[in-house]
PDB file of N, CA and C in Angstrom:
ATOM      1  N   UNK A   1      34.927-118.515-120.258  1.00  0.00           N
ATOM      2  CA  UNK A   1      34.646-119.799-120.016  1.00  0.00           C
ATOM      3  C   UNK A   1      34.695-120.674-119.096  1.00  0.00           C
ATOM      4  N   UNK A   2      36.172-120.580-118.619  1.00  0.00           N
ATOM      5  CA  UNK A   2      36.183-121.307-117.505  1.00  0.00           C
ATOM      6  C   UNK A   2      35.820-120.636-116.540  1.00  0.00           C
ATOM      7  N   UNK A   3      35.661-119.691-116.010  1.00  0.00           N
ATOM      8  CA  UNK A   3      34.952-118.966-114.982  1.00  0.00           C
ATOM      9  C   UNK A   3      33.517-119.168-114.698  1.00  0.00           C
ATOM     10  N   UNK A   4      32.843-119.556-116.326  1.00  0.00           N
ATOM     11  CA  UNK A   4      31.404-120.129-115.878  1.00  0.00           C
ATOM     12  C   UNK A   4      31.574-121.414-115.184  1.00  0.00           C
ATOM     13  N   UNK A   5      32.500-122.353-116.061  1.00  0.00           N
ATOM     14  CA  UNK A   5      32.690-123.481-115.371  1.00  0.00           C
ATOM     15  C   UNK A   5      33.302-124.038-113.690  1.00  0.00           C
ATOM     16  N   UNK A   6      33.759-122.804-113.331  1.00  0.00           N
ATOM     17  CA  UNK A   6      34.167-122.777-112.026  1.00  0.00           C
ATOM     18  C   UNK A   6      32.753-122.222-110.908  1.00  0.00           C
ATOM     19  N   UNK A   7      32.149-121.471-111.598  1.00  0.00           N
ATOM     20  CA  UNK A   7      30.814-121.146-111.254  1.00  0.00           C
ATOM     21  C   UNK A   7      29.806-121.918-110.934  1.00  0.00           C
ATOM     22  N   UNK A   8      29.583-122.644-112.214  1.00  0.00           N
ATOM     23  CA  UNK A   8      28.473-123.696-111.783  1.00  0.00           C
ATOM     24  C   UNK A   8      29.035-125.009-111.083  1.00  0.00           C
ATOM     25  N   UNK A   9      30.178-125.278-111.257  1.00  0.00           N
ATOM     26  CA  UNK A   9      30.521-126.566-110.432  1.00  0.00           C
ATOM     27  C   UNK A   9      30.448-125.862-108.911  1.00  0.00           C
ATOM     28  N   UNK A  10      30.740-125.015-108.463  1.00  0.00           N
ATOM     29  CA  UNK A  10      30.439-124.620-107.294  1.00  0.00           C
ATOM     30  C   UNK A  10      28.810-124.347-106.634  1.00  0.00           C
ATOM     31  N   UNK A  11      28.146-124.129-107.768  1.00  0.00           N
ATOM     32  CA  UNK A  11      26.780-124.048-107.831  1.00  0.00           C
ATOM     33  C   UNK A  11      26.199-125.588-107.359  1.00  0.00           C
ATOM     34  N   UNK A  12      26.782-126.598-108.004  1.00  0.00           N
ATOM     35  CA  UNK A  12      26.521-128.295-107.696  1.00  0.00           C
ATOM     36  C   UNK A  12      26.938-128.220-106.417  1.00  0.00           C
ATOM     37  N   UNK A  13      28.135-128.063-106.107  1.00  0.00           N
ATOM     38  CA  UNK A  13      28.667-128.501-104.909  1.00  0.00           C
ATOM     39  C   UNK A  13      27.992-127.744-103.639  1.00  0.00           C
ATOM     40  N   UNK A  14      27.200-126.689-103.645  1.00  0.00           N
ATOM     41  CA  UNK A  14      26.395-126.075-102.581  1.00  0.00           C
ATOM     42  C   UNK A  14      25.058-126.477-102.700  1.00  0.00           C
ATOM     43  N   UNK A  15      24.613-126.959-103.799  1.00  0.00           N
ATOM     44  CA  UNK A  15      23.148-128.080-103.948  1.00  0.00           C
ATOM     45  C   UNK A  15      23.614-129.048-103.398  1.00  0.00           C
ATOM     46  N   UNK A  16      24.666-129.831-103.787  1.00  0.00           N
ATOM     47  CA  UNK A  16      25.035-131.346-102.761  1.00  0.00           C
ATOM     48  C   UNK A  16      24.967-131.141-101.639  1.00  0.00           C
ATOM     49  N   UNK A  17      25.552-130.186-101.185  1.00  0.00           N
ATOM     50  CA  UNK A  17      25.574-129.702 -99.544  1.00  0.00           C
ATOM     51  C   UNK A  17      24.412-129.426 -98.895  1.00  0.00           C
ATOM     52  N   UNK A  18      23.470-129.057 -99.793  1.00  0.00           N
ATOM     53  CA  UNK A  18      21.803-128.823 -99.156  1.00  0.00           C
ATOM     54  C   UNK A  18      21.311-130.227 -99.029  1.00  0.00           C
ATOM     55  N   UNK A  19      21.598-131.422-100.200  1.00  0.00           N
ATOM     56  CA  UNK A  19      21.173-132.399-100.013  1.00  0.00           C
ATOM     57  C   UNK A  19      21.312-133.351 -98.871  1.00  0.00           C
ATOM     58  N   UNK A  20      22.940-133.082 -98.163  1.00  0.00           N
ATOM     59  CA  UNK A  20      23.115-133.540 -97.377  1.00  0.00           C
ATOM     60  C   UNK A  20      22.593-132.789 -95.933  1.00  0.00           C
ATOM     61  N   UNK A  21      22.120-131.748 -95.948  1.00  0.00           N
ATOM     62  CA  UNK A  21      21.734-130.969 -94.930  1.00  0.00           C
ATOM     63  C   UNK A  21      20.071-131.630 -94.398  1.00  0.00           C
ATOM     64  N   UNK A  22      19.518-131.728 -95.799  1.00  0.00           N
ATOM     65  CA  UNK A  22      18.256-132.367 -95.771  1.00  0.00           C
ATOM     66  C   UNK A  22      18.228-133.882 -95.332  1.00  0.00           C
ATOM     67  N   UNK A  23      19.125-134.654 -95.767  1.00  0.00           N
ATOM     68  CA  UNK A  23      19.605-135.915 -95.025  1.00  0.00           C
ATOM     69  C   UNK A  23      19.621-136.124 -93.670  1.00  0.00           C
ATOM     70  N   UNK A  24      20.626-135.059 -93.028  1.00  0.00           N
ATOM     71  CA  UNK A  24      20.991-135.087 -92.119  1.00  0.00           C
ATOM     72  C   UNK A  24      19.816-134.683 -91.012  1.00  0.00           C
ATOM     73  N   UNK A  25      18.918-133.512 -91.657  1.00  0.00           N
ATOM     74  CA  UNK A  25      17.592-133.285 -91.117  1.00  0.00           C
ATOM     75  C   UNK A  25      16.685-134.273 -90.669  1.00  0.00           C
ATOM     76  N   UNK A  26      16.564-135.280 -91.655  1.00  0.00           N
ATOM     77  CA  UNK A  26      15.559-136.374 -91.632  1.00  0.00           C
ATOM     78  C   UNK A  26      16.481-137.591 -90.558  1.00  0.00           C
ATOM     79  N   UNK A  27      17.485-137.939 -90.564  1.00  0.00           N
ATOM     80  CA  UNK A  27      17.935-138.539 -89.589  1.00  0.00           C
ATOM     81  C   UNK A  27      17.641-137.962 -88.143  1.00  0.00           C
ATOM     82  N   UNK A  28      18.221-136.901 -88.112  1.00  0.00           N
ATOM     83  CA  UNK A  28      17.682-136.110 -87.036  1.00  0.00           C
ATOM     84  C   UNK A  28      16.325-136.822 -86.300  1.00  0.00           C
ATOM     85  N   UNK A  29      15.500-136.270 -87.011  1.00  0.00           N
ATOM     86  CA  UNK A  29      13.972-136.724 -86.565  1.00  0.00           C
ATOM     87  C   UNK A  29      13.597-138.202 -86.654  1.00  0.00           C
ATOM     88  N   UNK A  30      14.045-139.000 -87.471  1.00  0.00           N
ATOM     89  CA  UNK A  30      14.078-140.401 -87.556  1.00  0.00           C
ATOM     90  C   UNK A  30      14.580-141.596 -86.807  1.00  0.00           C
ATOM     91  N   UNK A  31      15.865-141.079 -86.148  1.00  0.00           N
ATOM     92  CA  UNK A  31      17.065-142.067 -86.016  1.00  0.00           C
ATOM     93  C   UNK A  31      16.502-142.290 -84.261  1.00  0.00           C
ATOM     94  N   UNK A  32      16.330-143.563 -83.599  1.00  0.00           N
ATOM     95  CA  UNK A  32      15.849-143.747 -82.517  1.00  0.00           C
ATOM     96  C   UNK A  32      16.818-143.467 -81.277  1.00  0.00           C
ATOM     97  N   UNK A  33      17.945-143.220 -80.981  1.00  0.00           N
ATOM     98  CA  UNK A  33      18.420-142.803 -79.999  1.00  0.00           C
ATOM     99  C   UNK A  33      19.725-141.720 -80.449  1.00  0.00           C
ATOM    100  N   UNK A  34      20.436-141.294 -79.118  1.00  0.00           N
ATOM    101  CA  UNK A  34      21.048-139.969 -79.103  1.00  0.00           C
ATOM    102  C   UNK A  34      22.649-140.253 -79.942  1.00  0.00           C
ATOM    103  N   UNK A  35      23.190-141.311 -80.033  1.00  0.00           N
ATOM    104  CA  UNK A  35      24.496-142.059 -80.511  1.00  0.00           C
ATOM    105  C   UNK A  35      24.197-141.835 -82.198  1.00  0.00           C
ATOM    106  N   UNK A  36      23.070-142.337 -82.726  1.00  0.00           N
ATOM    107  CA  UNK A  36      22.440-142.461 -84.163  1.00  0.00           C
ATOM    108  C   UNK A  36      22.344-141.076 -84.568  1.00  0.00           C
ATOM    109  N   UNK A  37      21.882-140.499 -83.525  1.00  0.00           N
ATOM    110  CA  UNK A  37      21.235-138.763 -83.917  1.00  0.00           C
ATOM    111  C   UNK A  37      22.583-137.980 -83.618  1.00  0.00           C
ATOM    112  N   UNK A  38      23.393-138.198 -83.299  1.00  0.00           N
ATOM    113  CA  UNK A  38      24.424-137.431 -83.037  1.00  0.00           C
ATOM    114  C   UNK A  38      25.534-137.655 -84.229  1.00  0.00           C
ATOM    115  N   UNK A  39      25.301-139.071 -85.081  1.00  0.00           N
ATOM    116  CA  UNK A  39      25.821-139.272 -86.221  1.00  0.00           C
ATOM    117  C   UNK A  39      25.680-138.732 -87.474  1.00  0.00           C
ATOM    118  N   UNK A  40      24.050-138.389 -87.227  1.00  0.00           N
ATOM    119  CA  UNK A  40      23.484-137.482 -88.484  1.00  0.00           C
ATOM    120  C   UNK A  40      23.689-136.299 -88.138  1.00  0.00           C
ATOM    121  N   UNK A  41      23.822-135.740 -87.065  1.00  0.00           N
ATOM    122  CA  UNK A  41      24.249-133.982 -87.199  1.00  0.00           C
ATOM    123  C   UNK A  41      25.574-134.217 -87.250  1.00  0.00           C
ATOM    124  N   UNK A  42      26.470-134.860 -86.929  1.00  0.00           N
ATOM    125  CA  UNK A  42      27.958-134.811 -87.542  1.00  0.00           C
ATOM    126  C   UNK A  42      28.208-134.915 -88.945  1.00  0.00           C
ATOM    127  N   UNK A  43      27.200-135.542 -89.584  1.00  0.00           N
ATOM    128  CA  UNK A  43      27.256-135.612 -91.288  1.00  0.00           C
ATOM    129  C   UNK A  43      26.459-134.466 -91.676  1.00  0.00           C
ATOM    130  N   UNK A  44      25.754-133.939 -90.918  1.00  0.00           N
ATOM    131  CA  UNK A  44      25.058-132.460 -91.546  1.00  0.00           C
ATOM    132  C   UNK A  44      26.179-131.361 -91.107  1.00  0.00           C
ATOM    133  N   UNK A  45      26.887-131.107 -90.002  1.00  0.00           N
ATOM    134  CA  UNK A  45      27.750-130.259 -89.923  1.00  0.00           C
ATOM    135  C   UNK A  45      28.833-130.600 -91.044  1.00  0.00           C
ATOM    136  N   UNK A  46      29.476-131.844 -91.213  1.00  0.00           N
ATOM    137  CA  UNK A  46      30.479-131.886 -92.078  1.00  0.00           C
ATOM    138  C   UNK A  46      29.790-131.624 -93.435  1.00  0.00           C
ATOM    139  N   UNK A  47      29.528-132.309 -94.237  1.00  0.00           N
ATOM    140  CA  UNK A  47      28.899-132.465 -95.568  1.00  0.00           C
ATOM    141  C   UNK A  47      28.125-131.287 -95.674  1.00  0.00           C
ATOM    142  N   UNK A  48      27.398-130.871 -94.815  1.00  0.00           N
ATOM    143  CA  UNK A  48      26.206-130.106 -94.755  1.00  0.00           C
ATOM    144  C   UNK A  48      26.441-128.392 -94.983  1.00  0.00           C
ATOM    145  N   UNK A  49      27.869-128.528 -94.189  1.00  0.00           N
ATOM    146  CA  UNK A  49      28.466-127.080 -93.924  1.00  0.00           C
ATOM    147  C   UNK A  49      30.006-126.879 -94.676  1.00  0.00           C
ATOM    148  N   UNK A  50      30.646-127.967 -94.740  1.00  0.00           N
ATOM    149  CA  UNK A  50      31.796-127.926 -95.945  1.00  0.00           C
ATOM    150  C   UNK A  50      31.709-127.641 -96.998  1.00  0.00           C
ATOM    151  N   UNK A  51      30.760-128.496 -97.518  1.00  0.00           N
ATOM    152  CA  UNK A  51      30.603-128.427 -98.846  1.00  0.00           C
ATOM    153  C   UNK A  51      29.965-127.173 -99.649  1.00  0.00           C
ATOM    154  N   UNK A  52      29.168-126.833 -98.800  1.00  0.00           N
ATOM    155  CA  UNK A  52      28.794-125.293 -99.270  1.00  0.00           C
ATOM    156  C   UNK A  52      29.708-124.259 -99.411  1.00  0.00           C
ATOM    157  N   UNK A  53      30.413-124.531 -98.439  1.00  0.00           N
ATOM    158  CA  UNK A  53      31.888-123.393 -98.145  1.00  0.00           C
ATOM    159  C   UNK A  53      32.258-123.627 -99.195  1.00  0.00           C
ATOM    160  N   UNK A  54      32.725-124.775 -99.751  1.00  0.00           N
ATOM    161  CA  UNK A  54      33.372-125.283-100.796  1.00  0.00           C
ATOM    162  C   UNK A  54      32.851-124.700-102.085  1.00  0.00           C
ATOM    163  N   UNK A  55      31.679-124.735-102.107  1.00  0.00           N
ATOM    164  CA  UNK A  55      31.149-124.300-103.305  1.00  0.00           C
ATOM    165  C   UNK A  55      30.915-122.846-103.388  1.00  0.00           C
ATOM    166  N   UNK A  56      30.754-122.067-102.175  1.00  0.00           N
ATOM    167  CA  UNK A  56      30.799-120.772-102.578  1.00  0.00           C
ATOM    168  C   UNK A  56      32.067-120.165-102.870  1.00  0.00           C
ATOM    169  N   UNK A  57      33.232-120.754-102.249  1.00  0.00           N
ATOM    170  CA  UNK A  57      34.662-120.607-102.670  1.00  0.00           C
ATOM    171  C   UNK A  57      34.800-120.462-103.935  1.00  0.00           C
ATOM    172  N   UNK A  58      34.130-121.655-104.797  1.00  0.00           N
ATOM    173  CA  UNK A  58      34.349-122.054-106.258  1.00  0.00           C
ATOM    174  C   UNK A  58      33.335-120.584-106.977  1.00  0.00           C
ATOM    175  N   UNK A  59      32.509-120.342-106.272  1.00  0.00           N
ATOM    176  CA  UNK A  59      31.508-119.271-107.127  1.00  0.00           C
ATOM    177  C   UNK A  59      31.901-118.002-106.679  1.00  0.00           C
ATOM    178  N   UNK A  60      32.868-117.823-106.110  1.00  0.00           N
ATOM    179  CA  UNK A  60      33.230-116.558-105.775  1.00  0.00           C
ATOM    180  C   UNK A  60      34.761-116.644-106.671  1.00  0.00           C
ATOM    181  N   UNK A  61      35.028-117.439-106.871  1.00  0.00           N
ATOM    182  CA  UNK A  61      36.557-117.532-107.878  1.00  0.00           C
ATOM    183  C   UNK A  61      36.188-117.496-109.096  1.00  0.00           C
ATOM    184  N   UNK A  62      34.559-117.909-109.472  1.00  0.00           N
ATOM    185  CA  UNK A  62      34.241-117.793-111.028  1.00  0.00           C
ATOM    186  C   UNK A  62      33.474-116.322-111.367  1.00  0.00           C
ATOM    187  N   UNK A  63      33.338-115.660-110.160  1.00  0.00           N
ATOM    188  CA  UNK A  63      32.579-114.281-110.552  1.00  0.00           C
ATOM    189  C   UNK A  63      33.728-113.155-110.734  1.00  0.00           C
ATOM    190  N   UNK A  64      33.553-112.155-111.281  1.00  0.00           N
ATOM    191  CA  UNK A  64      34.573-110.810-111.411  1.00  0.00           C
ATOM    192  C   UNK A  64      34.507-110.015-110.282  1.00  0.00           C
ATOM    193  N   UNK A  65      34.044-110.410-109.396  1.00  0.00           N
ATOM    194  CA  UNK A  65      33.843-109.467-108.122  1.00  0.00           C
ATOM    195  C   UNK A  65      35.508-109.087-107.662  1.00  0.00           C
ATOM    196  N   UNK A  66      35.148-107.864-106.805  1.00  0.00           N
ATOM    197  CA  UNK A  66      36.444-107.392-106.162  1.00  0.00           C
ATOM    198  C   UNK A  66      36.716-108.629-104.930  1.00  0.00           C
ATOM    199  N   UNK A  67      37.783-108.569-104.542  1.00  0.00           N
ATOM    200  CA  UNK A  67      38.648-109.510-103.676  1.00  0.00           C
ATOM    201  C   UNK A  67      37.982-110.785-103.615  1.00  0.00           C
ATOM    202  N   UNK A  68      37.663-111.348-104.812  1.00  0.00           N
ATOM    203  CA  UNK A  68      37.009-112.932-104.651  1.00  0.00           C
ATOM    204  C   UNK A  68      37.953-114.074-104.189  1.00  0.00           C
ATOM    205  N   UNK A  69      39.460-113.650-104.307  1.00  0.00           N
ATOM    206  CA  UNK A  69      40.303-114.751-103.965  1.00  0.00           C
ATOM    207  C   UNK A  69      40.161-114.492-102.189  1.00  0.00           C
ATOM    208  N   UNK A  70      40.017-113.061-102.015  1.00  0.00           N
ATOM    209  CA  UNK A  70      39.711-113.226-100.264  1.00  0.00           C
ATOM    210  C   UNK A  70      38.768-113.749 -99.748  1.00  0.00           C
ATOM    211  N   UNK A  71      37.720-113.757-100.244  1.00  0.00           N
ATOM    212  CA  UNK A  71      36.186-114.487 -99.908  1.00  0.00           C
ATOM    213  C   UNK A  71      36.436-115.800-100.048  1.00  0.00           C
ATOM    214  N   UNK A  72      37.076-116.428-101.118  1.00  0.00           N
ATOM    215  CA  UNK A  72      37.148-117.923-101.318  1.00  0.00           C
ATOM    216  C   UNK A  72      38.304-118.418-100.437  1.00  0.00           C
ATOM    217  N   UNK A  73      39.248-117.505-100.093  1.00  0.00           N
ATOM    218  CA  UNK A  73      40.152-118.290 -99.027  1.00  0.00           C
ATOM    219  C   UNK A  73      39.636-118.354 -97.348  1.00  0.00           C
ATOM    220  N   UNK A  74      38.593-117.071 -97.557  1.00  0.00           N
ATOM    221  CA  UNK A  74      38.004-117.512 -96.179  1.00  0.00           C
ATOM    222  C   UNK A  74      37.292-118.441 -95.884  1.00  0.00           C
ATOM    223  N   UNK A  75      36.233-118.665 -96.848  1.00  0.00           N
ATOM    224  CA  UNK A  75      35.297-119.937 -96.900  1.00  0.00           C
ATOM    225  C   UNK A  75      36.187-121.197 -96.923  1.00  0.00           C
ATOM    226  N   UNK A  76      37.264-121.064 -97.567  1.00  0.00           N
ATOM    227  CA  UNK A  76      38.484-122.914 -97.208  1.00  0.00           C
ATOM    228  C   UNK A  76      38.660-122.729 -95.811  1.00  0.00           C
ATOM    229  N   UNK A  77      39.684-121.845 -95.417  1.00  0.00           N
ATOM    230  CA  UNK A  77      39.805-121.770 -94.289  1.00  0.00           C
ATOM    231  C   UNK A  77      38.292-122.171 -93.287  1.00  0.00           C
ATOM    232  N   UNK A  78      37.548-121.679 -93.331  1.00  0.00           N
ATOM    233  CA  UNK A  78      36.612-122.074 -92.400  1.00  0.00           C
ATOM    234  C   UNK A  78      35.981-123.497 -92.734  1.00  0.00           C
ATOM    235  N   UNK A  79      36.015-123.807 -93.738  1.00  0.00           N
ATOM    236  CA  UNK A  79      35.726-125.438 -93.838  1.00  0.00           C
ATOM    237  C   UNK A  79      36.580-126.198 -93.561  1.00  0.00           C
ATOM    238  N   UNK A  80      37.728-125.909 -93.774  1.00  0.00           N
ATOM    239  CA  UNK A  80      39.091-126.883 -93.000  1.00  0.00           C
ATOM    240  C   UNK A  80      38.942-127.014 -91.439  1.00  0.00           C
ATOM    241  N   UNK A  81      38.601-125.757 -91.011  1.00  0.00           N
ATOM    242  CA  UNK A  81      38.311-125.722 -89.422  1.00  0.00           C
ATOM    243  C   UNK A  81      37.020-126.682 -89.168  1.00  0.00           C
ATOM    244  N   UNK A  82      36.076-126.315 -89.766  1.00  0.00           N
ATOM    245  CA  UNK A  82      35.175-127.299 -89.523  1.00  0.00           C
ATOM    246  C   UNK A  82      35.178-128.783 -89.939  1.00  0.00           C
ATOM    247  N   UNK A  83      35.848-128.957 -90.785  1.00  0.00           N
ATOM    248  CA  UNK A  83      36.033-130.453 -91.638  1.00  0.00           C
ATOM    249  C   UNK A  83      37.105-131.329 -90.248  1.00  0.00           C
ATOM    250  N   UNK A  84      37.981-130.429 -89.543  1.00  0.00           N
ATOM    251  CA  UNK A  84      38.499-131.020 -88.224  1.00  0.00           C
ATOM    252  C   UNK A  84      37.888-130.756 -87.073  1.00  0.00           C
ATOM    253  N   UNK A  85      37.133-129.776 -86.821  1.00  0.00           N
ATOM    254  CA  UNK A  85      36.511-129.724 -85.256  1.00  0.00           C
ATOM    255  C   UNK A  85      35.274-130.512 -85.183  1.00  0.00           C
ATOM    256  N   UNK A  86      34.345-130.825 -86.437  1.00  0.00           N
ATOM    257  CA  UNK A  86      33.145-131.411 -86.054  1.00  0.00           C
ATOM    258  C   UNK A  86      33.395-132.919 -85.769  1.00  0.00           C
ATOM    259  N   UNK A  87      33.960-133.993 -86.149  1.00  0.00           N
ATOM    260  CA  UNK A  87      34.481-135.164 -85.797  1.00  0.00           C
ATOM    261  C   UNK A  87      34.655-135.277 -84.381  1.00  0.00           C
ATOM    262  N   UNK A  88      35.574-134.185 -83.967  1.00  0.00           N
ATOM    263  CA  UNK A  88      36.637-134.488 -82.713  1.00  0.00           C
ATOM    264  C   UNK A  88      35.237-133.931 -81.444  1.00  0.00           C
ATOM    265  N   UNK A  89      34.420-132.729 -82.057  1.00  0.00           N
ATOM    266  CA  UNK A  89      33.496-132.708 -81.087  1.00  0.00           C
ATOM    267  C   UNK A  89      32.267-133.729 -80.749  1.00  0.00           C
ATOM    268  N   UNK A  90      31.825-134.329 -82.044  1.00  0.00           N
ATOM    269  CA  UNK A  90      31.262-135.456 -81.849  1.00  0.00           C
ATOM    270  C   UNK A  90      31.536-136.420 -81.309  1.00  0.00           C
ATOM    271  N   UNK A  91      32.762-137.010 -81.333  1.00  0.00           N
ATOM    272  CA  UNK A  91      33.450-137.779 -80.452  1.00  0.00           C
ATOM    273  C   UNK A  91      33.621-137.908 -78.926  1.00  0.00           C
ATOM    274  N   UNK A  92      33.835-136.334 -78.486  1.00  0.00           N
ATOM    275  CA  UNK A  92      34.005-136.138 -77.249  1.00  0.00           C
ATOM    276  C   UNK A  92      32.594-136.177 -76.877  1.00  0.00           C
ATOM    277  N   UNK A  93      31.314-135.770 -77.460  1.00  0.00           N
ATOM    278  CA  UNK A  93      30.203-135.424 -76.888  1.00  0.00           C
ATOM    279  C   UNK A  93      29.620-137.073 -76.483  1.00  0.00           C
ATOM    280  N   UNK A  94      30.111-138.107 -77.496  1.00  0.00           N
ATOM    281  CA  UNK A  94      29.228-139.596 -77.633  1.00  0.00           C
ATOM    282  C   UNK A  94      30.287-140.221 -76.075  1.00  0.00           C
ATOM    283  N   UNK A  95      31.589-139.829 -76.331  1.00  0.00           N
ATOM    284  CA  UNK A  95      32.452-140.440 -75.209  1.00  0.00           C
ATOM    285  C   UNK A  95      31.883-139.723 -74.204  1.00  0.00           C
ATOM    286  N   UNK A  96      31.317-138.669 -73.595  1.00  0.00           N
ATOM    287  CA  UNK A  96      31.240-138.182 -72.230  1.00  0.00           C
ATOM    288  C   UNK A  96      29.702-138.530 -72.230  1.00  0.00           C
ATOM    289  N   UNK A  97      28.983-138.675 -72.911  1.00  0.00           N
ATOM    290  CA  UNK A  97      27.809-139.348 -72.694  1.00  0.00           C
ATOM    291  C   UNK A  97      27.771-140.748 -72.560  1.00  0.00           C
ATOM    292  N   UNK A  98      28.591-141.152 -72.603  1.00  0.00           N
ATOM    293  CA  UNK A  98      28.684-143.094 -72.457  1.00  0.00           C
ATOM    294  C   UNK A  98      29.270-143.182 -70.592  1.00  0.00           C
ATOM    295  N   UNK A  99      30.655-142.242 -70.690  1.00  0.00           N
ATOM    296  CA  UNK A  99      30.984-142.500 -69.346  1.00  0.00           C
ATOM    297  C   UNK A  99      29.989-141.779 -68.031  1.00  0.00           C
ATOM    298  N   UNK A 100      29.153-140.868 -68.825  1.00  0.00           N
ATOM    299  CA  UNK A 100      28.304-140.463 -67.527  1.00  0.00           C
ATOM    300  C   UNK A 100      27.012-141.358 -67.553  1.00  0.00           C
ATOM    301  N   UNK A 101      26.920-142.381 -68.315  1.00  0.00           N
ATOM    302  CA  UNK A 101      25.659-143.045 -68.291  1.00  0.00           C
ATOM    303  C   UNK A 101      24.192-142.363 -68.495  1.00  0.00           C
ATOM    304  N   UNK A 102      24.572-141.170 -69.419  1.00  0.00           N
ATOM    305  CA  UNK A 102      23.263-140.240 -69.801  1.00  0.00           C
ATOM    306  C   UNK A 102      22.468-140.798 -70.403  1.00  0.00           C
ATOM    307  N   UNK A 103      22.650-141.757 -71.116  1.00  0.00           N
ATOM    308  CA  UNK A 103      21.817-142.266 -72.282  1.00  0.00           C
ATOM    309  C   UNK A 103      21.697-143.910 -72.078  1.00  0.00           C
ATOM    310  N   UNK A 104      20.660-144.436 -71.889  1.00  0.00           N
ATOM    311  CA  UNK A 104      20.083-145.402 -71.884  1.00  0.00           C
ATOM    312  C   UNK A 104      20.395-146.382 -73.046  1.00  0.00           C
ATOM    313  N   UNK A 105      20.842-147.396 -72.742  1.00  0.00           N
ATOM    314  CA  UNK A 105      21.641-147.875 -74.171  1.00  0.00           C
ATOM    315  C   UNK A 105      22.235-149.562 -73.886  1.00  0.00           C
ATOM    316  N   UNK A 106      21.768-150.236 -74.333  1.00  0.00           N
ATOM    317  CA  UNK A 106      22.439-151.360 -74.086  1.00  0.00           C
ATOM    318  C   UNK A 106      23.175-152.317 -75.522  1.00  0.00           C
ATOM    319  N   UNK A 107      24.524-152.063 -75.437  1.00  0.00           N
ATOM    320  CA  UNK A 107      24.936-152.595 -76.683  1.00  0.00           C
ATOM    321  C   UNK A 107      25.386-153.852 -76.526  1.00  0.00           C
ATOM    322  N   UNK A 108      25.376-154.676 -77.564  1.00  0.00           N
ATOM    323  CA  UNK A 108      26.149-155.826 -78.021  1.00  0.00           C
ATOM    324  C   UNK A 108      27.157-156.066 -77.198  1.00  0.00           C
ATOM    325  N   UNK A 109      28.127-155.272 -77.923  1.00  0.00           N
ATOM    326  CA  UNK A 109      29.844-155.123 -77.393  1.00  0.00           C
ATOM    327  C   UNK A 109      30.111-153.827 -76.901  1.00  0.00           C
ATOM    328  N   UNK A 110      30.823-153.562 -75.622  1.00  0.00           N
ATOM    329  CA  UNK A 110      31.028-152.267 -75.336  1.00  0.00           C
ATOM    330  C   UNK A 110      32.353-152.274 -75.155  1.00  0.00           C
ATOM    331  N   UNK A 111      33.365-151.974 -75.700  1.00  0.00           N
ATOM    332  CA  UNK A 111      34.754-151.742 -75.900  1.00  0.00           C
ATOM    333  C   UNK A 111      34.753-150.597 -74.552  1.00  0.00           C
ATOM    334  N   UNK A 112      34.160-149.714 -74.139  1.00  0.00           N
ATOM    335  CA  UNK A 112      34.492-148.566 -73.502  1.00  0.00           C
ATOM    336  C   UNK A 112      34.349-148.574 -71.955  1.00  0.00           C
ATOM    337  N   UNK A 113      33.295-149.878 -71.921  1.00  0.00           N
ATOM    338  CA  UNK A 113      32.521-150.416 -70.457  1.00  0.00           C
ATOM    339  C   UNK A 113      33.860-150.526 -69.243  1.00  0.00           C
ATOM    340  N   UNK A 114      33.622-150.626 -68.341  1.00  0.00           N
ATOM    341  CA  UNK A 114      34.638-151.018 -67.119  1.00  0.00           C
ATOM    342  C   UNK A 114      34.653-152.523 -66.889  1.00  0.00           C
ATOM    343  N   UNK A 115      35.836-153.029 -67.032  1.00  0.00           N
ATOM    344  CA  UNK A 115      35.723-154.814 -66.662  1.00  0.00           C
ATOM    345  C   UNK A 115      35.022-155.159 -65.389  1.00  0.00           C
ATOM    346  N   UNK A 116      34.145-156.197 -65.420  1.00  0.00           N
ATOM    347  CA  UNK A 116      33.576-156.669 -64.060  1.00  0.00           C
ATOM    348  C   UNK A 116      34.082-158.024 -63.477  1.00  0.00           C
TER     349      UNK A 116
END
């Protein structure tokens, strides 16, 4: 009974991750500039990849397949790495684009801009 509950909880988490991927894809299509699209891509990378990996780990633990703990551990380790690396990469991309003035953008307040 418990393994069925863990399996279906994992399936729900995978489905929620798919919904986040869909929303991030819509954001990539609809958002107006690089910085906001980068935000949508990061949301897709974090929630659209980490949640399904956690769901697959739960689904693996809920099934009687051989080496299910090994599969779950690999999924959780990959999810942890993505959860840490995706925001850092997004921040570095935004910082580099701002410093290189690669994106035409006129913010109201620019904390990173040079003082004039």
